[in-house]
Amino acid sequence: MKNLKNFILPAAFAVLGVGSAFASKPAKTNDAAIVDGHVKRPNEQVKCQNTHIRCSTTGTQTCTADVGMGPEILYNLVGTSCPTELYFQ
């Protein structure tokens, strides 16, 4: 009986500890936002024109669209300017 307590109890605590570690692992968060992409048109009255094409604020491949002047990079609108590139979802 003493050998059983010396073996089973520590093993049970080890299994419980490992299980708790995996159960408490934080979920991966996705900080991406899906927004309308804007094209920069510096020589026009409205410098950042909405394309109504949805893009992500994070990613690896730049979001582009052909909205009349060939393929153009789409940007995120902040106030009245569009400073940051967007990415495909």
PDB file of N, CA and C in Angstrom:
ATOM      1  N   MET A   1       0.820  -1.184   0.000  1.00  0.00           N
ATOM      2  CA  MET A   1       0.000   0.000   0.000  1.00  0.00           C
ATOM      3  C   MET A   1       0.872   1.260   0.000  1.00  0.00           C
ATOM      4  N   LYS A   2       1.985   1.214   0.749  1.00  0.00           N
ATOM      5  CA  LYS A   2       2.874   2.363   0.815  1.00  0.00           C
ATOM      6  C   LYS A   2       3.521   2.619  -0.545  1.00  0.00           C
ATOM      7  N   ASN A   3       3.911   1.559  -1.258  1.00  0.00           N
ATOM      8  CA  ASN A   3       4.494   1.711  -2.590  1.00  0.00           C
ATOM      9  C   ASN A   3       3.487   2.310  -3.569  1.00  0.00           C
ATOM     10  N   LEU A   4       2.242   1.930  -3.416  1.00  0.00           N
ATOM     11  CA  LEU A   4       1.184   2.453  -4.281  1.00  0.00           C
ATOM     12  C   LEU A   4       1.045   3.959  -4.103  1.00  0.00           C
ATOM     13  N   LYS A   5       1.044   4.437  -2.863  1.00  0.00           N
ATOM     14  CA  LYS A   5       0.940   5.869  -2.591  1.00  0.00           C
ATOM     15  C   LYS A   5       2.170   6.612  -3.113  1.00  0.00           C
ATOM     16  N   ASN A   6       3.333   6.007  -2.967  1.00  0.00           N
ATOM     17  CA  ASN A   6       4.563   6.655  -3.405  1.00  0.00           C
ATOM     18  C   ASN A   6       4.672   6.731  -4.931  1.00  0.00           C
ATOM     19  N   PHE A   7       3.979   5.880  -5.635  1.00  0.00           N
ATOM     20  CA  PHE A   7       4.051   5.880  -7.089  1.00  0.00           C
ATOM     21  C   PHE A   7       2.845   6.585  -7.723  1.00  0.00           C
ATOM     22  N   ILE A   8       1.642   6.234  -7.319  1.00  0.00           N
ATOM     23  CA  ILE A   8       0.413   6.726  -7.947  1.00  0.00           C
ATOM     24  C   ILE A   8       0.200   8.213  -7.675  1.00  0.00           C
ATOM     25  N   LEU A   9       0.397   8.661  -6.448  1.00  0.00           N
ATOM     26  CA  LEU A   9       0.137  10.049  -6.106  1.00  0.00           C
ATOM     27  C   LEU A   9       1.028  11.020  -6.892  1.00  0.00           C
ATOM     28  N   PRO A  10       2.334  10.828  -6.950  1.00  0.00           N
ATOM     29  CA  PRO A  10       3.154  11.734  -7.770  1.00  0.00           C
ATOM     30  C   PRO A  10       2.827  11.654  -9.262  1.00  0.00           C
ATOM     31  N   ALA A  11       2.517  10.466  -9.746  1.00  0.00           N
ATOM     32  CA  ALA A  11       2.158  10.319 -11.155  1.00  0.00           C
ATOM     33  C   ALA A  11       0.854  11.060 -11.455  1.00  0.00           C
ATOM     34  N   ALA A  12      -0.096  10.994 -10.556  1.00  0.00           N
ATOM     35  CA  ALA A  12      -1.372  11.683 -10.743  1.00  0.00           C
ATOM     36  C   ALA A  12      -1.157  13.193 -10.759  1.00  0.00           C
ATOM     37  N   PHE A  13      -0.323  13.702  -9.862  1.00  0.00           N
ATOM     38  CA  PHE A  13      -0.032  15.133  -9.844  1.00  0.00           C
ATOM     39  C   PHE A  13       0.686  15.576 -11.125  1.00  0.00           C
ATOM     40  N   ALA A  14       1.574  14.759 -11.638  1.00  0.00           N
ATOM     41  CA  ALA A  14       2.287  15.093 -12.871  1.00  0.00           C
ATOM     42  C   ALA A  14       1.310  15.169 -14.046  1.00  0.00           C
ATOM     43  N   VAL A  15       0.422  14.190 -14.152  1.00  0.00           N
ATOM     44  CA  VAL A  15      -0.576  14.183 -15.227  1.00  0.00           C
ATOM     45  C   VAL A  15      -1.505  15.388 -15.089  1.00  0.00           C
ATOM     46  N   LEU A  16      -1.911  15.698 -13.868  1.00  0.00           N
ATOM     47  CA  LEU A  16      -2.781  16.840 -13.623  1.00  0.00           C
ATOM     48  C   LEU A  16      -2.078  18.149 -13.992  1.00  0.00           C
ATOM     49  N   GLY A  17      -0.814  18.244 -13.665  1.00  0.00           N
ATOM     50  CA  GLY A  17      -0.045  19.449 -13.986  1.00  0.00           C
ATOM     51  C   GLY A  17       0.108  19.658 -15.478  1.00  0.00           C
ATOM     52  N   VAL A  18       0.435  18.597 -16.195  1.00  0.00           N
ATOM     53  CA  VAL A  18       0.589  18.693 -17.649  1.00  0.00           C
ATOM     54  C   VAL A  18      -0.754  19.040 -18.299  1.00  0.00           C
ATOM     55  N   GLY A  19      -1.801  18.414 -17.848  1.00  0.00           N
ATOM     56  CA  GLY A  19      -3.139  18.703 -18.382  1.00  0.00           C
ATOM     57  C   GLY A  19      -3.547  20.140 -18.131  1.00  0.00           C
ATOM     58  N   SER A  20      -3.241  20.649 -16.959  1.00  0.00           N
ATOM     59  CA  SER A  20      -3.567  22.035 -16.624  1.00  0.00           C
ATOM     60  C   SER A  20      -2.774  23.007 -17.489  1.00  0.00           C
ATOM     61  N   ALA A  21      -1.530  22.675 -17.762  1.00  0.00           N
ATOM     62  CA  ALA A  21      -0.700  23.550 -18.589  1.00  0.00           C
ATOM     63  C   ALA A  21      -1.287  23.691 -19.990  1.00  0.00           C
ATOM     64  N   PHE A  22      -1.745  22.597 -20.574  1.00  0.00           N
ATOM     65  CA  PHE A  22      -2.339  22.670 -21.900  1.00  0.00           C
ATOM     66  C   PHE A  22      -3.711  23.337 -21.865  1.00  0.00           C
ATOM     67  N   ALA A  23      -4.457  23.114 -20.817  1.00  0.00           N
ATOM     68  CA  ALA A  23      -5.792  23.709 -20.713  1.00  0.00           C
ATOM     69  C   ALA A  23      -5.724  25.206 -20.513  1.00  0.00           C
ATOM     70  N   SER A  24      -4.671  25.708 -19.908  1.00  0.00           N
ATOM     71  CA  SER A  24      -4.578  27.137 -19.636  1.00  0.00           C
ATOM     72  C   SER A  24      -3.791  27.900 -20.693  1.00  0.00           C
ATOM     73  N   LYS A  25      -3.375  27.215 -21.758  1.00  0.00           N
ATOM     74  CA  LYS A  25      -2.642  27.875 -22.846  1.00  0.00           C
ATOM     75  C   LYS A  25      -3.570  28.890 -23.502  1.00  0.00           C
ATOM     76  N   PRO A  26      -3.131  30.157 -23.602  1.00  0.00           N
ATOM     77  CA  PRO A  26      -4.014  31.171 -24.187  1.00  0.00           C
ATOM     78  C   PRO A  26      -4.289  30.897 -25.657  1.00  0.00           C
ATOM     79  N   ALA A  27      -5.485  31.227 -26.059  1.00  0.00           N
ATOM     80  CA  ALA A  27      -5.867  31.053 -27.455  1.00  0.00           C
ATOM     81  C   ALA A  27      -5.124  32.055 -28.318  1.00  0.00           C
ATOM     82  N   LYS A  28      -4.817  31.648 -29.541  1.00  0.00           N
ATOM     83  CA  LYS A  28      -4.137  32.548 -30.480  1.00  0.00           C
ATOM     84  C   LYS A  28      -5.108  33.651 -30.863  1.00  0.00           C
ATOM     85  N   THR A  29      -4.662  34.889 -30.714  1.00  0.00           N
ATOM     86  CA  THR A  29      -5.527  36.004 -31.057  1.00  0.00           C
ATOM     87  C   THR A  29      -5.191  36.497 -32.457  1.00  0.00           C
ATOM     88  N   ASN A  30      -6.197  36.951 -33.112  1.00  0.00           N
ATOM     89  CA  ASN A  30      -6.028  37.492 -34.450  1.00  0.00           C
ATOM     90  C   ASN A  30      -6.346  38.976 -34.381  1.00  0.00           C
ATOM     91  N   ASP A  31      -5.321  39.806 -34.502  1.00  0.00           N
ATOM     92  CA  ASP A  31      -5.495  41.242 -34.380  1.00  0.00           C
ATOM     93  C   ASP A  31      -5.856  41.904 -35.708  1.00  0.00           C
ATOM     94  N   ALA A  32      -6.145  41.125 -36.710  1.00  0.00           N
ATOM     95  CA  ALA A  32      -6.453  41.683 -38.020  1.00  0.00           C
ATOM     96  C   ALA A  32      -7.860  42.273 -38.020  1.00  0.00           C
ATOM     97  N   ALA A  33      -8.005  43.362 -38.714  1.00  0.00           N
ATOM     98  CA  ALA A  33      -9.312  43.964 -38.938  1.00  0.00           C
ATOM     99  C   ALA A  33      -9.576  43.945 -40.445  1.00  0.00           C
ATOM    100  N   ILE A  34     -10.817  43.751 -40.805  1.00  0.00           N
ATOM    101  CA  ILE A  34     -11.202  43.755 -42.213  1.00  0.00           C
ATOM    102  C   ILE A  34     -11.810  45.132 -42.509  1.00  0.00           C
ATOM    103  N   VAL A  35     -11.213  45.837 -43.454  1.00  0.00           N
ATOM    104  CA  VAL A  35     -11.630  47.208 -43.762  1.00  0.00           C
ATOM    105  C   VAL A  35     -11.717  47.402 -45.274  1.00  0.00           C
ATOM    106  N   ASP A  36     -12.374  48.479 -45.674  1.00  0.00           N
ATOM    107  CA  ASP A  36     -12.405  48.854 -47.096  1.00  0.00           C
ATOM    108  C   ASP A  36     -11.043  49.387 -47.504  1.00  0.00           C
ATOM    109  N   GLY A  37     -10.563  48.953 -48.663  1.00  0.00           N
ATOM    110  CA  GLY A  37      -9.305  49.458 -49.193  1.00  0.00           C
ATOM    111  C   GLY A  37      -9.520  50.760 -49.951  1.00  0.00           C
ATOM    112  N   HIS A  38      -8.553  51.640 -49.852  1.00  0.00           N
ATOM    113  CA  HIS A  38      -8.597  52.931 -50.537  1.00  0.00           C
ATOM    114  C   HIS A  38      -7.380  53.074 -51.445  1.00  0.00           C
ATOM    115  N   VAL A  39      -7.565  53.721 -52.594  1.00  0.00           N
ATOM    116  CA  VAL A  39      -6.434  54.013 -53.478  1.00  0.00           C
ATOM    117  C   VAL A  39      -5.987  55.441 -53.233  1.00  0.00           C
ATOM    118  N   LYS A  40      -4.660  55.643 -53.336  1.00  0.00           N
ATOM    119  CA  LYS A  40      -4.114  56.988 -53.189  1.00  0.00           C
ATOM    120  C   LYS A  40      -4.161  57.690 -54.538  1.00  0.00           C
ATOM    121  N   ARG A  41      -4.772  58.843 -54.563  1.00  0.00           N
ATOM    122  CA  ARG A  41      -4.835  59.670 -55.764  1.00  0.00           C
ATOM    123  C   ARG A  41      -4.413  61.088 -55.361  1.00  0.00           C
ATOM    124  N   PRO A  42      -3.096  61.328 -55.209  1.00  0.00           N
ATOM    125  CA  PRO A  42      -2.614  62.605 -54.677  1.00  0.00           C
ATOM    126  C   PRO A  42      -2.969  63.824 -55.511  1.00  0.00           C
ATOM    127  N   ASN A  43      -3.218  63.667 -56.793  1.00  0.00           N
ATOM    128  CA  ASN A  43      -3.515  64.818 -57.654  1.00  0.00           C
ATOM    129  C   ASN A  43      -5.005  65.104 -57.784  1.00  0.00           C
ATOM    130  N   GLU A  44      -5.842  64.374 -57.039  1.00  0.00           N
ATOM    131  CA  GLU A  44      -7.285  64.582 -57.133  1.00  0.00           C
ATOM    132  C   GLU A  44      -7.805  65.206 -55.850  1.00  0.00           C
ATOM    133  N   GLN A  45      -9.025  65.739 -55.900  1.00  0.00           N
ATOM    134  CA  GLN A  45      -9.601  66.418 -54.742  1.00  0.00           C
ATOM    135  C   GLN A  45      -9.749  65.465 -53.558  1.00  0.00           C
ATOM    136  N   VAL A  46     -10.263  64.257 -53.797  1.00  0.00           N
ATOM    137  CA  VAL A  46     -10.343  63.230 -52.753  1.00  0.00           C
ATOM    138  C   VAL A  46      -9.097  62.360 -52.915  1.00  0.00           C
ATOM    139  N   LYS A  47      -8.147  62.524 -51.999  1.00  0.00           N
ATOM    140  CA  LYS A  47      -6.834  61.870 -52.139  1.00  0.00           C
ATOM    141  C   LYS A  47      -6.881  60.370 -51.862  1.00  0.00           C
ATOM    142  N   CYS A  48      -7.795  59.916 -51.011  1.00  0.00           N
ATOM    143  CA  CYS A  48      -7.951  58.489 -50.698  1.00  0.00           C
ATOM    144  C   CYS A  48      -9.360  58.074 -51.088  1.00  0.00           C
ATOM    145  N   GLN A  49      -9.477  57.374 -52.197  1.00  0.00           N
ATOM    146  CA  GLN A  49     -10.787  57.003 -52.718  1.00  0.00           C
ATOM    147  C   GLN A  49     -11.139  55.568 -52.336  1.00  0.00           C
ATOM    148  N   ASN A  50     -12.345  55.404 -51.804  1.00  0.00           N
ATOM    149  CA  ASN A  50     -12.820  54.091 -51.356  1.00  0.00           C
ATOM    150  C   ASN A  50     -13.101  53.196 -52.557  1.00  0.00           C
ATOM    151  N   THR A  51     -12.573  51.977 -52.527  1.00  0.00           N
ATOM    152  CA  THR A  51     -12.812  51.018 -53.605  1.00  0.00           C
ATOM    153  C   THR A  51     -13.908  50.014 -53.239  1.00  0.00           C
ATOM    154  N   HIS A  52     -14.306  49.986 -51.961  1.00  0.00           N
ATOM    155  CA  HIS A  52     -15.284  49.028 -51.435  1.00  0.00           C
ATOM    156  C   HIS A  52     -14.790  47.590 -51.577  1.00  0.00           C
ATOM    157  N   ILE A  53     -13.477  47.421 -51.672  1.00  0.00           N
ATOM    158  CA  ILE A  53     -12.858  46.094 -51.701  1.00  0.00           C
ATOM    159  C   ILE A  53     -12.326  45.823 -50.304  1.00  0.00           C
ATOM    160  N   ARG A  54     -12.719  44.691 -49.739  1.00  0.00           N
ATOM    161  CA  ARG A  54     -12.368  44.360 -48.365  1.00  0.00           C
ATOM    162  C   ARG A  54     -10.958  43.764 -48.292  1.00  0.00           C
ATOM    163  N   CYS A  55     -10.153  44.330 -47.388  1.00  0.00           N
ATOM    164  CA  CYS A  55      -8.784  43.865 -47.173  1.00  0.00           C
ATOM    165  C   CYS A  55      -8.531  43.751 -45.677  1.00  0.00           C
ATOM    166  N   SER A  56      -7.421  43.138 -45.324  1.00  0.00           N
ATOM    167  CA  SER A  56      -7.047  42.931 -43.925  1.00  0.00           C
ATOM    168  C   SER A  56      -5.916  43.886 -43.539  1.00  0.00           C
ATOM    169  N   THR A  57      -5.866  44.243 -42.246  1.00  0.00           N
ATOM    170  CA  THR A  57      -4.804  45.111 -41.761  1.00  0.00           C
ATOM    171  C   THR A  57      -3.520  44.345 -41.481  1.00  0.00           C
ATOM    172  N   THR A  58      -3.574  43.012 -41.499  1.00  0.00           N
ATOM    173  CA  THR A  58      -2.364  42.206 -41.315  1.00  0.00           C
ATOM    174  C   THR A  58      -2.302  41.149 -42.408  1.00  0.00           C
ATOM    175  N   GLY A  59      -1.102  40.694 -42.694  1.00  0.00           N
ATOM    176  CA  GLY A  59      -0.930  39.654 -43.695  1.00  0.00           C
ATOM    177  C   GLY A  59       0.437  39.745 -44.337  1.00  0.00           C
ATOM    178  N   THR A  60       0.594  39.025 -45.438  1.00  0.00           N
ATOM    179  CA  THR A  60       1.882  39.001 -46.120  1.00  0.00           C
ATOM    180  C   THR A  60       1.783  39.470 -47.562  1.00  0.00           C
ATOM    181  N   GLN A  61       0.635  39.283 -48.201  1.00  0.00           N
ATOM    182  CA  GLN A  61       0.487  39.647 -49.606  1.00  0.00           C
ATOM    183  C   GLN A  61      -0.313  40.953 -49.712  1.00  0.00           C
ATOM    184  N   THR A  62       0.288  41.977 -50.314  1.00  0.00           N
ATOM    185  CA  THR A  62      -0.335  43.292 -50.425  1.00  0.00           C
ATOM    186  C   THR A  62      -1.643  43.213 -51.200  1.00  0.00           C
ATOM    187  N   CYS A  63      -2.652  43.882 -50.678  1.00  0.00           N
ATOM    188  CA  CYS A  63      -3.975  43.923 -51.303  1.00  0.00           C
ATOM    189  C   CYS A  63      -3.938  44.938 -52.451  1.00  0.00           C
ATOM    190  N   THR A  64      -4.285  44.488 -53.635  1.00  0.00           N
ATOM    191  CA  THR A  64      -4.303  45.351 -54.812  1.00  0.00           C
ATOM    192  C   THR A  64      -5.623  45.193 -55.544  1.00  0.00           C
ATOM    193  N   ALA A  65      -5.919  46.182 -56.380  1.00  0.00           N
ATOM    194  CA  ALA A  65      -7.129  46.107 -57.195  1.00  0.00           C
ATOM    195  C   ALA A  65      -6.943  46.960 -58.434  1.00  0.00           C
ATOM    196  N   ASP A  66      -7.640  46.602 -59.484  1.00  0.00           N
ATOM    197  CA  ASP A  66      -7.641  47.388 -60.712  1.00  0.00           C
ATOM    198  C   ASP A  66      -8.964  48.157 -60.718  1.00  0.00           C
ATOM    199  N   VAL A  67      -8.881  49.431 -60.377  1.00  0.00           N
ATOM    200  CA  VAL A  67     -10.094  50.252 -60.303  1.00  0.00           C
ATOM    201  C   VAL A  67     -10.041  51.399 -61.313  1.00  0.00           C
ATOM    202  N   GLY A  68      -9.462  51.128 -62.478  1.00  0.00           N
ATOM    203  CA  GLY A  68      -9.482  52.106 -63.548  1.00  0.00           C
ATOM    204  C   GLY A  68      -8.128  52.580 -64.031  1.00  0.00           C
ATOM    205  N   MET A  69      -7.099  52.455 -63.222  1.00  0.00           N
ATOM    206  CA  MET A  69      -5.779  52.937 -63.627  1.00  0.00           C
ATOM    207  C   MET A  69      -4.747  51.823 -63.542  1.00  0.00           C
ATOM    208  N   GLY A  70      -5.168  50.596 -63.771  1.00  0.00           N
ATOM    209  CA  GLY A  70      -4.269  49.454 -63.630  1.00  0.00           C
ATOM    210  C   GLY A  70      -4.210  49.012 -62.179  1.00  0.00           C
ATOM    211  N   PRO A  71      -3.455  47.966 -61.912  1.00  0.00           N
ATOM    212  CA  PRO A  71      -3.375  47.472 -60.531  1.00  0.00           C
ATOM    213  C   PRO A  71      -2.781  48.530 -59.597  1.00  0.00           C
ATOM    214  N   GLU A  72      -3.485  48.765 -58.496  1.00  0.00           N
ATOM    215  CA  GLU A  72      -3.031  49.741 -57.510  1.00  0.00           C
ATOM    216  C   GLU A  72      -3.049  49.108 -56.121  1.00  0.00           C
ATOM    217  N   ILE A  73      -2.114  49.524 -55.285  1.00  0.00           N
ATOM    218  CA  ILE A  73      -2.066  49.063 -53.894  1.00  0.00           C
ATOM    219  C   ILE A  73      -3.175  49.751 -53.119  1.00  0.00           C
ATOM    220  N   LEU A  74      -3.839  48.990 -52.241  1.00  0.00           N
ATOM    221  CA  LEU A  74      -4.910  49.543 -51.429  1.00  0.00           C
ATOM    222  C   LEU A  74      -4.381  49.882 -50.038  1.00  0.00           C
ATOM    223  N   TYR A  75      -4.903  50.970 -49.468  1.00  0.00           N
ATOM    224  CA  TYR A  75      -4.438  51.493 -48.194  1.00  0.00           C
ATOM    225  C   TYR A  75      -5.585  51.627 -47.203  1.00  0.00           C
ATOM    226  N   ASN A  76      -5.228  51.700 -45.915  1.00  0.00           N
ATOM    227  CA  ASN A  76      -6.196  51.883 -44.846  1.00  0.00           C
ATOM    228  C   ASN A  76      -6.430  53.377 -44.634  1.00  0.00           C
ATOM    229  N   LEU A  77      -7.687  53.787 -44.588  1.00  0.00           N
ATOM    230  CA  LEU A  77      -8.037  55.185 -44.376  1.00  0.00           C
ATOM    231  C   LEU A  77      -7.959  55.508 -42.890  1.00  0.00           C
ATOM    232  N   VAL A  78      -7.185  56.549 -42.550  1.00  0.00           N
ATOM    233  CA  VAL A  78      -7.067  57.037 -41.178  1.00  0.00           C
ATOM    234  C   VAL A  78      -7.316  58.537 -41.233  1.00  0.00           C
ATOM    235  N   GLY A  79      -8.479  58.960 -40.756  1.00  0.00           N
ATOM    236  CA  GLY A  79      -8.837  60.376 -40.873  1.00  0.00           C
ATOM    237  C   GLY A  79      -9.083  60.724 -42.329  1.00  0.00           C
ATOM    238  N   THR A  80      -8.235  61.608 -42.866  1.00  0.00           N
ATOM    239  CA  THR A  80      -8.379  61.985 -44.279  1.00  0.00           C
ATOM    240  C   THR A  80      -7.210  61.486 -45.123  1.00  0.00           C
ATOM    241  N   SER A  81      -6.291  60.725 -44.508  1.00  0.00           N
ATOM    242  CA  SER A  81      -5.157  60.190 -45.271  1.00  0.00           C
ATOM    243  C   SER A  81      -5.198  58.668 -45.252  1.00  0.00           C
ATOM    244  N   CYS A  82      -4.402  58.076 -46.103  1.00  0.00           N
ATOM    245  CA  CYS A  82      -4.344  56.612 -46.164  1.00  0.00           C
ATOM    246  C   CYS A  82      -2.874  56.185 -46.119  1.00  0.00           C
ATOM    247  N   PRO A  83      -2.310  56.091 -44.902  1.00  0.00           N
ATOM    248  CA  PRO A  83      -0.867  55.890 -44.755  1.00  0.00           C
ATOM    249  C   PRO A  83      -0.373  54.443 -44.816  1.00  0.00           C
ATOM    250  N   THR A  84      -1.209  53.455 -44.499  1.00  0.00           N
ATOM    251  CA  THR A  84      -0.696  52.087 -44.378  1.00  0.00           C
ATOM    252  C   THR A  84      -1.291  51.152 -45.409  1.00  0.00           C
ATOM    253  N   GLU A  85      -0.421  50.292 -45.962  1.00  0.00           N
ATOM    254  CA  GLU A  85      -0.883  49.298 -46.931  1.00  0.00           C
ATOM    255  C   GLU A  85      -1.761  48.255 -46.271  1.00  0.00           C
ATOM    256  N   LEU A  86      -2.651  47.686 -47.071  1.00  0.00           N
ATOM    257  CA  LEU A  86      -3.509  46.600 -46.602  1.00  0.00           C
ATOM    258  C   LEU A  86      -3.079  45.299 -47.275  1.00  0.00           C
ATOM    259  N   TYR A  87      -3.623  44.185 -46.779  1.00  0.00           N
ATOM    260  CA  TYR A  87      -3.237  42.854 -47.238  1.00  0.00           C
ATOM    261  C   TYR A  87      -4.472  42.044 -47.587  1.00  0.00           C
ATOM    262  N   PHE A  88      -4.267  41.045 -48.460  1.00  0.00           N
ATOM    263  CA  PHE A  88      -5.371  40.137 -48.790  1.00  0.00           C
ATOM    264  C   PHE A  88      -5.756  39.349 -47.549  1.00  0.00           C
ATOM    265  N   GLN A  89      -7.048  39.068 -47.442  1.00  0.00           N
ATOM    266  CA  GLN A  89      -7.568  38.344 -46.276  1.00  0.00           C
ATOM    267  C   GLN A  89      -7.099  36.921 -46.269  1.00  0.00           C
TER     268      GLN A  89
END
